[in-house]
Amino acid sequence: MLEEGQEGIVVDIAPALRGSQPKPGFWNRFGRRFGWGRFRWGWRRRAGWGAVKRLADLGILAGVRIRVVRKAPFGGPIEVEVGGSRFMIGRGLAERILVEVGSRGD
């Protein structure tokens, strides 16, 4: 996670970080026993492509320079600058952006 004022190059966008695998527990075992596992969890494997499209629509693609301008406290949104434009994105969306940190002299 970049700090305020820090910038880097976007390496990749992760389609799904959390919730992509079923959690262990009674209902998961129950579903697998009756063949509901693939139906119930199949949509979650593809989850997150809407987030990838949203970031692409904002101009956040692999190879683009991104800078964190400001972070809201208590887990609020993050203001980022991409290609001269500034906008706010939520932390969940920001966690999907994989960045290679550049030095300040770049």
C-alpha atoms as a PDB file:
ATOM      1  CA  MET A   1       0.000   0.000   0.000  1.00  0.00           C
ATOM      2  CA  LEU A   2       1.409   3.336  -1.063  1.00  0.00           C
ATOM      3  CA  GLU A   3       1.655   6.186   1.416  1.00  0.00           C
ATOM      4  CA  GLU A   4       0.491   9.754   0.752  1.00  0.00           C
ATOM      5  CA  GLY A   5       2.651  11.437  -1.879  1.00  0.00           C
ATOM      6  CA  GLN A   6       4.199   8.154  -2.997  1.00  0.00           C
ATOM      7  CA  GLU A   7       3.920   7.022  -6.609  1.00  0.00           C
ATOM      8  CA  GLY A   8       4.579   3.934  -8.646  1.00  0.00           C
ATOM      9  CA  ILE A   9       3.845   2.061 -11.847  1.00  0.00           C
ATOM     10  CA  VAL A  10       0.778  -0.198 -12.043  1.00  0.00           C
ATOM     11  CA  VAL A  11       1.956  -3.770 -12.644  1.00  0.00           C
ATOM     12  CA  ASP A  12      -1.370  -5.621 -12.675  1.00  0.00           C
ATOM     13  CA  ILE A  13      -4.960  -5.558 -11.432  1.00  0.00           C
ATOM     14  CA  ALA A  14      -5.988  -8.542  -9.316  1.00  0.00           C
ATOM     15  CA  PRO A  15      -9.517  -9.710 -10.240  1.00  0.00           C
ATOM     16  CA  ALA A  16     -10.409 -11.156  -6.823  1.00  0.00           C
ATOM     17  CA  LEU A  17      -8.397 -11.098  -3.633  1.00  0.00           C
ATOM     18  CA  ARG A  18     -10.938 -11.966  -0.988  1.00  0.00           C
ATOM     19  CA  GLY A  19     -13.840 -14.366  -1.104  1.00  0.00           C
ATOM     20  CA  SER A  20     -12.581 -16.316  -4.088  1.00  0.00           C
ATOM     21  CA  GLN A  21     -12.357 -19.589  -2.174  1.00  0.00           C
ATOM     22  CA  PRO A  22     -15.170 -21.157  -0.167  1.00  0.00           C
ATOM     23  CA  LYS A  23     -14.740 -20.940   3.578  1.00  0.00           C
ATOM     24  CA  PRO A  24     -14.622 -24.129   5.641  1.00  0.00           C
ATOM     25  CA  GLY A  25     -17.649 -24.821   7.742  1.00  0.00           C
ATOM     26  CA  PHE A  26     -20.874 -26.714   8.043  1.00  0.00           C
ATOM     27  CA  TRP A  27     -22.701 -25.149   5.090  1.00  0.00           C
ATOM     28  CA  ASN A  28     -19.772 -25.614   2.749  1.00  0.00           C
ATOM     29  CA  ARG A  29     -19.491 -29.321   3.645  1.00  0.00           C
ATOM     30  CA  PHE A  30     -23.272 -29.664   3.354  1.00  0.00           C
ATOM     31  CA  GLY A  31     -23.250 -28.030  -0.093  1.00  0.00           C
ATOM     32  CA  ARG A  32     -20.398 -30.208  -1.350  1.00  0.00           C
ATOM     33  CA  ARG A  33     -22.164 -33.343  -0.151  1.00  0.00           C
ATOM     34  CA  PHE A  34     -25.264 -32.522  -2.203  1.00  0.00           C
ATOM     35  CA  GLY A  35     -23.394 -31.169  -5.237  1.00  0.00           C
ATOM     36  CA  TRP A  36     -24.075 -27.491  -4.575  1.00  0.00           C
ATOM     37  CA  GLY A  37     -20.387 -26.583  -4.271  1.00  0.00           C
ATOM     38  CA  ARG A  38     -19.781 -25.785  -7.928  1.00  0.00           C
ATOM     39  CA  PHE A  39     -23.077 -23.939  -8.326  1.00  0.00           C
ATOM     40  CA  ARG A  40     -22.756 -21.973  -5.113  1.00  0.00           C
ATOM     41  CA  TRP A  41     -19.113 -20.931  -5.477  1.00  0.00           C
ATOM     42  CA  GLY A  42     -18.708 -20.897  -9.262  1.00  0.00           C
ATOM     43  CA  TRP A  43     -19.789 -17.271  -9.610  1.00  0.00           C
ATOM     44  CA  ARG A  44     -17.280 -16.174  -6.956  1.00  0.00           C
ATOM     45  CA  ARG A  45     -14.334 -17.388  -9.042  1.00  0.00           C
ATOM     46  CA  ARG A  46     -15.281 -14.880 -11.694  1.00  0.00           C
ATOM     47  CA  ALA A  47     -16.147 -12.158  -9.198  1.00  0.00           C
ATOM     48  CA  GLY A  48     -14.177  -8.955  -9.419  1.00  0.00           C
ATOM     49  CA  TRP A  49     -14.100  -8.451 -13.195  1.00  0.00           C
ATOM     50  CA  GLY A  50     -16.444  -5.517 -12.742  1.00  0.00           C
ATOM     51  CA  ALA A  51     -13.801  -3.940 -10.511  1.00  0.00           C
ATOM     52  CA  VAL A  52     -11.123  -4.522 -13.155  1.00  0.00           C
ATOM     53  CA  LYS A  53     -13.349  -2.859 -15.759  1.00  0.00           C
ATOM     54  CA  ARG A  54     -14.089   0.052 -13.413  1.00  0.00           C
ATOM     55  CA  LEU A  55     -10.378   0.671 -12.855  1.00  0.00           C
ATOM     56  CA  ALA A  56      -9.707   0.430 -16.595  1.00  0.00           C
ATOM     57  CA  ASP A  57     -12.467   2.981 -17.226  1.00  0.00           C
ATOM     58  CA  LEU A  58     -10.699   5.323 -14.798  1.00  0.00           C
ATOM     59  CA  GLY A  59      -7.428   4.879 -16.728  1.00  0.00           C
ATOM     60  CA  ILE A  60      -5.731   2.582 -14.236  1.00  0.00           C
ATOM     61  CA  LEU A  61      -4.072   0.024 -16.503  1.00  0.00           C
ATOM     62  CA  ALA A  62      -0.785  -1.882 -16.407  1.00  0.00           C
ATOM     63  CA  GLY A  63       2.147   0.429 -17.124  1.00  0.00           C
ATOM     64  CA  VAL A  64       0.432   3.632 -15.973  1.00  0.00           C
ATOM     65  CA  ARG A  65       1.983   5.860 -13.303  1.00  0.00           C
ATOM     66  CA  ILE A  66      -0.247   6.306 -10.229  1.00  0.00           C
ATOM     67  CA  ARG A  67       0.224   8.574  -7.204  1.00  0.00           C
ATOM     68  CA  VAL A  68      -1.590   8.585  -3.868  1.00  0.00           C
ATOM     69  CA  VAL A  69      -2.576  12.168  -3.090  1.00  0.00           C
ATOM     70  CA  ARG A  70      -4.477  11.680   0.149  1.00  0.00           C
ATOM     71  CA  LYS A  71      -5.952   8.923   2.339  1.00  0.00           C
ATOM     72  CA  ALA A  72      -9.102   9.413   4.352  1.00  0.00           C
ATOM     73  CA  PRO A  73      -8.886   8.255   7.975  1.00  0.00           C
ATOM     74  CA  PHE A  74     -10.597   5.184   9.436  1.00  0.00           C
ATOM     75  CA  GLY A  75     -10.527   3.094   6.264  1.00  0.00           C
ATOM     76  CA  GLY A  76     -12.137   5.708   4.048  1.00  0.00           C
ATOM     77  CA  PRO A  77     -11.478   6.278   0.348  1.00  0.00           C
ATOM     78  CA  ILE A  78      -8.121   7.123  -1.222  1.00  0.00           C
ATOM     79  CA  GLU A  79      -7.526  10.050  -3.575  1.00  0.00           C
ATOM     80  CA  VAL A  80      -5.254   9.017  -6.451  1.00  0.00           C
ATOM     81  CA  GLU A  81      -3.817  10.840  -9.437  1.00  0.00           C
ATOM     82  CA  VAL A  82      -3.545   9.098 -12.807  1.00  0.00           C
ATOM     83  CA  GLY A  83      -2.599  10.906 -16.001  1.00  0.00           C
ATOM     84  CA  GLY A  84      -3.256  14.340 -14.500  1.00  0.00           C
ATOM     85  CA  SER A  85      -6.734  13.417 -13.242  1.00  0.00           C
ATOM     86  CA  ARG A  86      -7.590  13.000  -9.580  1.00  0.00           C
ATOM     87  CA  PHE A  87     -10.377  10.842  -8.205  1.00  0.00           C
ATOM     88  CA  MET A  88     -11.377   8.932  -5.096  1.00  0.00           C
ATOM     89  CA  ILE A  89     -11.550   5.143  -4.982  1.00  0.00           C
ATOM     90  CA  GLY A  90     -12.539   2.891  -2.116  1.00  0.00           C
ATOM     91  CA  ARG A  91      -9.945   0.887  -0.212  1.00  0.00           C
ATOM     92  CA  GLY A  92     -11.333  -2.422  -1.453  1.00  0.00           C
ATOM     93  CA  LEU A  93     -10.864  -1.308  -5.034  1.00  0.00           C
ATOM     94  CA  ALA A  94      -7.440   0.152  -4.253  1.00  0.00           C
ATOM     95  CA  GLU A  95      -6.275  -3.165  -2.748  1.00  0.00           C
ATOM     96  CA  ARG A  96      -6.652  -4.785  -6.179  1.00  0.00           C
ATOM     97  CA  ILE A  97      -4.056  -2.493  -7.775  1.00  0.00           C
ATOM     98  CA  LEU A  98      -0.590  -4.074  -7.773  1.00  0.00           C
ATOM     99  CA  VAL A  99       2.062  -1.342  -7.937  1.00  0.00           C
ATOM    100  CA  GLU A 100       5.831  -1.299  -8.382  1.00  0.00           C
ATOM    101  CA  VAL A 101       7.085   1.579  -6.241  1.00  0.00           C
ATOM    102  CA  GLY A 102       9.261   4.107  -8.055  1.00  0.00           C
ATOM    103  CA  SER A 103      11.787   6.444  -6.499  1.00  0.00           C
ATOM    104  CA  ARG A 104      10.867  10.103  -6.016  1.00  0.00           C
ATOM    105  CA  GLY A 105      13.544  11.161  -8.531  1.00  0.00           C
ATOM    106  CA  ASP A 106      11.717   9.487 -11.473  1.00  0.00           C
END
